[in-house]
Amino acid sequence: MKNNKVVELKNFSIGLPKKMKYGNGKEIDTGICKQTTEEAFLTKEGFRGDGVADLRYHGGPDRAVCVYPYEHYLLWEKEFNNPLPSSTFGENLTVTNMLERDIYIGDIFQLGDAVIQVTQGRIPCSTITKRTNNPSLLKRMVQTGFTGYLCRVLEEGMVRKDSKIALLESHPKQVSILYGNEIYFHKQKDVEGIRRMLDIQELANEWKELLENRLNKLTSLT
C-alpha cells in the first residue's frame, strides 16, 4: 500500500450457499448472502462456515478470501441513490484504506492470527445484479475496476470481527489490482501489460492460464 493509513475491518461476514429469490419469483443457490460474524477460523480453502455455490468461478485456494473496499459502498450509494446492505458483494472482509489502486498482487497481510496474500482482482458476476436488482452497478464495477479482490491463505488462523489487518510485505513488482483489472477487462490486447502481469509468480493460477492463452494468440498473429 502506498499510504500508511490505518486499515479498519468494517464488516466480517461468512455464509454457506442458500436459495436467494430475485426478479419475478425466480431463485438461485448462491453464497453471496453472507452474515456478519463474531469470529471464524480461516483455512487454506476459506473460512469455516463459509462457502460458494458455483465452484467454477468462486472458491479454491487462490480465492479463499474475498475483500471489498468500504469506500465504494459510499460511492455506489450516492451514484444510484440506494442504500446497500452489508456484504452486498458477498465479500468476507469489508475494509477501509485498501483500495484497488493501492493494493498490489502478491501483497501479504496479517489478518488476525492468519496470513493472507492477494492473488487477483475479483471478477463480478451476474449474481450481484440479481441481489441488487441493478444491472448498472455490475457494469460500473467493471468500468471503474472497483471490483474488490481475492486472496490465498499462507497461514491458517482465527479471525475476529475486531481483528487487525496489517501489511507484512508489499510486493516488489508493484502491480496493482486496479492495473490488473484494466488489463483483464479493458486492454485485452496489451502485450506488455499481459507480460507484466505474468511476471508475478503470486498471480492466481486461473489468471495465469487465461493471460498466457491471450498472449499466445496475440504473439502468434505477429
Protein backbone atom coordinates (compact mmCIF):
# COMPACT_ATOMS: atom_id res chain seq x y z
CA MET A 1 0.00 0.00 0.00
CA LYS A 2 1.28 3.42 -0.84
CA ASN A 3 -0.23 5.08 2.19
CA ASN A 4 0.19 4.42 5.89
CA LYS A 5 -3.43 4.99 6.82
CA VAL A 6 -4.95 2.73 9.42
CA VAL A 7 -6.93 -0.14 7.92
CA GLU A 8 -10.24 -0.84 9.59
CA LEU A 9 -12.28 -4.03 9.25
CA LYS A 10 -15.77 -2.54 8.91
CA ASN A 11 -17.59 -5.83 8.43
CA PHE A 12 -16.63 -9.51 8.69
CA SER A 13 -19.06 -11.91 7.01
CA ILE A 14 -19.36 -15.59 6.20
CA GLY A 15 -22.19 -17.79 4.96
CA LEU A 16 -22.98 -21.06 3.24
CA PRO A 17 -24.88 -21.14 -0.06
CA LYS A 18 -28.65 -20.83 0.19
CA LYS A 19 -31.60 -20.02 -2.04
CA MET A 20 -31.99 -16.35 -2.97
CA LYS A 21 -35.15 -15.03 -4.61
CA TYR A 22 -34.75 -12.41 -7.34
CA GLY A 23 -36.65 -10.86 -10.22
CA ASN A 24 -40.13 -12.15 -10.80
CA GLY A 25 -40.27 -15.08 -8.37
CA LYS A 26 -37.06 -16.73 -9.62
CA GLU A 27 -34.45 -18.21 -7.27
CA ILE A 28 -30.86 -19.42 -7.36
CA ASP A 29 -28.45 -21.13 -4.97
CA THR A 30 -25.74 -18.65 -4.04
CA GLY A 31 -23.21 -17.90 -1.32
CA ILE A 32 -23.48 -14.12 -1.85
CA CYS A 33 -25.84 -13.51 1.11
CA LYS A 34 -23.29 -13.65 3.91
CA GLN A 35 -23.97 -12.74 7.54
CA THR A 36 -21.86 -10.67 9.88
CA THR A 37 -20.00 -12.97 12.26
CA GLU A 38 -18.04 -12.58 15.50
CA GLU A 39 -15.23 -14.97 14.58
CA ALA A 40 -14.29 -17.76 12.21
CA PHE A 41 -11.27 -19.98 11.61
CA LEU A 42 -9.54 -19.34 8.28
CA THR A 43 -8.24 -22.46 6.49
CA LYS A 44 -6.38 -22.71 3.18
CA GLU A 45 -9.74 -23.29 1.48
CA GLY A 46 -11.50 -20.37 3.18
CA PHE A 47 -13.36 -19.57 6.37
CA ARG A 48 -15.08 -22.41 8.21
CA GLY A 49 -18.81 -21.84 7.84
CA ASP A 50 -18.31 -20.05 4.52
CA GLY A 51 -18.92 -21.41 1.04
CA VAL A 52 -19.75 -20.80 -2.60
CA ALA A 53 -22.39 -22.32 -4.88
CA ASP A 54 -20.60 -22.16 -8.24
CA LEU A 55 -17.13 -23.68 -7.88
CA ARG A 56 -16.22 -22.84 -11.48
CA TYR A 57 -15.95 -19.14 -10.74
CA HIS A 58 -15.62 -18.93 -6.96
CA GLY A 59 -13.66 -20.54 -4.16
CA GLY A 60 -10.50 -22.65 -4.16
CA PRO A 61 -7.10 -21.90 -2.60
CA ASP A 62 -6.36 -18.83 -4.81
CA ARG A 63 -9.77 -17.36 -3.96
CA ALA A 64 -10.12 -18.29 -0.30
CA VAL A 65 -10.87 -14.77 0.97
CA CYS A 66 -12.86 -12.01 -0.74
CA VAL A 67 -12.12 -8.37 0.15
CA TYR A 68 -14.12 -5.26 -0.82
CA PRO A 69 -13.25 -1.62 -0.06
CA TYR A 70 -15.79 0.10 2.17
CA GLU A 71 -15.27 3.42 0.37
CA HIS A 72 -17.01 2.07 -2.74
CA TYR A 73 -20.22 1.49 -0.79
CA LEU A 74 -20.47 5.24 -0.25
CA LEU A 75 -19.73 5.87 -3.93
CA TRP A 76 -22.35 3.41 -5.23
CA GLU A 77 -24.99 4.51 -2.73
CA LYS A 78 -24.52 8.09 -3.83
CA GLU A 79 -24.42 7.27 -7.54
CA PHE A 80 -27.53 5.06 -7.51
CA ASN A 81 -29.29 6.77 -4.61
CA ASN A 82 -29.90 3.44 -2.97
CA PRO A 83 -28.60 2.05 0.35
CA LEU A 84 -26.70 -1.23 0.14
CA PRO A 85 -26.82 -3.98 2.78
CA SER A 86 -23.57 -5.07 4.44
CA SER A 87 -21.54 -7.57 2.40
CA THR A 88 -23.60 -6.70 -0.71
CA PHE A 89 -20.90 -8.16 -2.94
CA GLY A 90 -20.53 -11.41 -0.99
CA GLU A 91 -17.18 -10.33 0.42
CA ASN A 92 -15.78 -11.71 3.68
CA LEU A 93 -13.92 -8.53 4.60
CA THR A 94 -15.23 -5.00 4.06
CA VAL A 95 -12.24 -2.74 4.74
CA THR A 96 -11.16 0.89 4.70
CA ASN A 97 -7.93 2.22 3.18
CA MET A 98 -7.30 -0.84 1.00
CA LEU A 99 -8.37 0.47 -2.42
CA GLU A 100 -7.58 -1.46 -5.62
CA ARG A 101 -5.09 1.22 -6.74
CA ASP A 102 -3.07 0.80 -3.52
CA ILE A 103 -3.05 -2.98 -3.24
CA TYR A 104 -0.52 -4.99 -5.24
CA ILE A 105 -0.87 -8.57 -6.46
CA GLY A 106 1.34 -10.61 -4.14
CA ASP A 107 0.99 -8.28 -1.12
CA ILE A 108 0.99 -10.18 2.16
CA PHE A 109 -1.19 -9.19 5.13
CA GLN A 110 -1.60 -10.30 8.70
CA LEU A 111 -5.32 -10.86 9.33
CA GLY A 112 -5.94 -11.69 12.98
CA ASP A 113 -3.98 -14.92 13.59
CA ALA A 114 -3.89 -15.75 9.86
CA VAL A 115 -1.69 -14.54 6.99
CA ILE A 116 -3.18 -13.90 3.53
CA GLN A 117 -1.77 -12.94 0.11
CA VAL A 118 -3.53 -11.01 -2.65
CA THR A 119 -3.85 -13.13 -5.82
CA GLN A 120 -6.24 -11.43 -8.30
CA GLY A 121 -8.98 -8.91 -8.83
CA ARG A 122 -12.49 -10.18 -8.20
CA ILE A 123 -14.50 -10.81 -11.38
CA PRO A 124 -18.00 -9.51 -10.64
CA CYS A 125 -20.79 -11.84 -11.73
CA SER A 126 -24.47 -11.55 -12.54
CA THR A 127 -25.40 -12.67 -9.01
CA ILE A 128 -24.58 -9.10 -7.91
CA THR A 129 -27.21 -7.85 -10.37
CA LYS A 130 -29.72 -10.41 -9.10
CA ARG A 131 -29.07 -9.39 -5.50
CA THR A 132 -29.20 -5.61 -6.02
CA ASN A 133 -31.66 -5.59 -8.94
CA ASN A 134 -29.33 -3.04 -10.51
CA PRO A 135 -27.58 -4.16 -13.74
CA SER A 136 -25.86 -0.76 -14.00
CA LEU A 137 -23.90 -1.45 -10.80
CA LEU A 138 -22.20 -4.51 -12.29
CA LYS A 139 -21.28 -2.53 -15.41
CA ARG A 140 -19.87 0.30 -13.31
CA MET A 141 -17.78 -2.10 -11.21
CA VAL A 142 -16.13 -3.42 -14.36
CA GLN A 143 -15.82 0.08 -15.88
CA THR A 144 -14.12 1.56 -12.82
CA GLY A 145 -12.15 -1.52 -11.76
CA PHE A 146 -13.72 -1.21 -8.30
CA THR A 147 -14.26 -4.95 -8.09
CA GLY A 148 -12.59 -5.89 -4.83
CA TYR A 149 -10.04 -8.71 -4.86
CA LEU A 150 -9.25 -12.23 -3.70
CA CYS A 151 -6.56 -13.78 -1.52
CA ARG A 152 -4.93 -17.12 -0.74
CA VAL A 153 -4.12 -18.21 2.81
CA LEU A 154 -0.43 -18.57 3.68
CA GLU A 155 -1.03 -19.28 7.37
CA GLU A 156 -4.28 -20.55 8.84
CA GLY A 157 -5.67 -18.95 11.99
CA MET A 158 -8.60 -17.43 13.85
CA VAL A 159 -10.08 -14.14 12.59
CA ARG A 160 -12.42 -11.97 14.67
CA LYS A 161 -14.62 -9.04 13.77
CA ASP A 162 -12.20 -6.69 15.58
CA SER A 163 -9.05 -8.31 14.13
CA LYS A 164 -6.31 -6.03 12.91
CA ILE A 165 -5.17 -6.11 9.29
CA ALA A 166 -1.55 -5.16 8.73
CA LEU A 167 0.67 -5.16 5.65
CA LEU A 168 3.58 -7.55 6.23
CA GLU A 169 5.17 -7.40 2.80
CA SER A 170 4.50 -5.17 -0.19
CA HIS A 171 5.19 -6.96 -3.47
CA PRO A 172 8.31 -5.54 -5.17
CA LYS A 173 6.82 -5.60 -8.70
CA GLN A 174 4.04 -3.21 -7.54
CA VAL A 175 1.34 -4.25 -9.99
CA SER A 176 -1.90 -3.01 -8.51
CA ILE A 177 -5.27 -4.74 -8.57
CA LEU A 178 -6.58 -1.72 -10.49
CA TYR A 179 -3.88 -2.19 -13.17
CA GLY A 180 -4.66 -5.91 -13.34
CA ASN A 181 -8.35 -5.19 -13.81
CA GLU A 182 -7.51 -2.75 -16.60
CA ILE A 183 -5.54 -5.44 -18.45
CA TYR A 184 -8.11 -8.16 -17.75
CA PHE A 185 -11.23 -6.23 -18.75
CA HIS A 186 -10.24 -3.30 -20.97
CA LYS A 187 -6.77 -3.76 -22.50
CA GLN A 188 -7.01 -7.36 -23.61
CA LYS A 189 -4.51 -6.89 -26.45
CA ASP A 190 -1.87 -5.07 -24.40
CA VAL A 191 1.04 -7.50 -24.82
CA GLU A 192 3.39 -5.59 -22.50
CA GLY A 193 0.68 -5.31 -19.85
CA ILE A 194 -0.06 -9.03 -20.06
CA ARG A 195 3.66 -9.82 -19.75
CA ARG A 196 3.90 -7.54 -16.75
CA MET A 197 1.06 -9.47 -15.11
CA LEU A 198 2.55 -12.86 -15.94
CA ASP A 199 5.84 -11.76 -14.41
CA ILE A 200 4.19 -12.01 -10.98
CA GLN A 201 4.67 -15.53 -9.61
CA GLU A 202 1.98 -14.96 -6.99
CA LEU A 203 -0.79 -14.24 -9.53
CA ALA A 204 -3.75 -16.67 -9.26
CA ASN A 205 -3.26 -19.75 -11.47
CA GLU A 206 -6.54 -19.23 -13.32
CA TRP A 207 -5.49 -15.70 -14.35
CA LYS A 208 -2.06 -17.00 -15.39
CA GLU A 209 -3.64 -19.58 -17.72
CA LEU A 210 -6.09 -17.08 -19.20
CA LEU A 211 -3.43 -14.42 -19.78
CA GLU A 212 -0.96 -16.95 -21.22
CA ASN A 213 -3.64 -18.02 -23.73
CA ARG A 214 -4.28 -14.40 -24.64
CA LEU A 215 -0.57 -13.75 -25.07
CA ASN A 216 -0.08 -16.85 -27.24
CA LYS A 217 -2.91 -15.75 -29.54
CA LEU A 218 -1.61 -12.19 -29.78
CA THR A 219 2.03 -13.12 -30.41
CA SER A 220 1.16 -15.85 -32.93
CA LEU A 221 -0.53 -13.16 -35.05
CA THR A 222 2.68 -11.13 -35.39
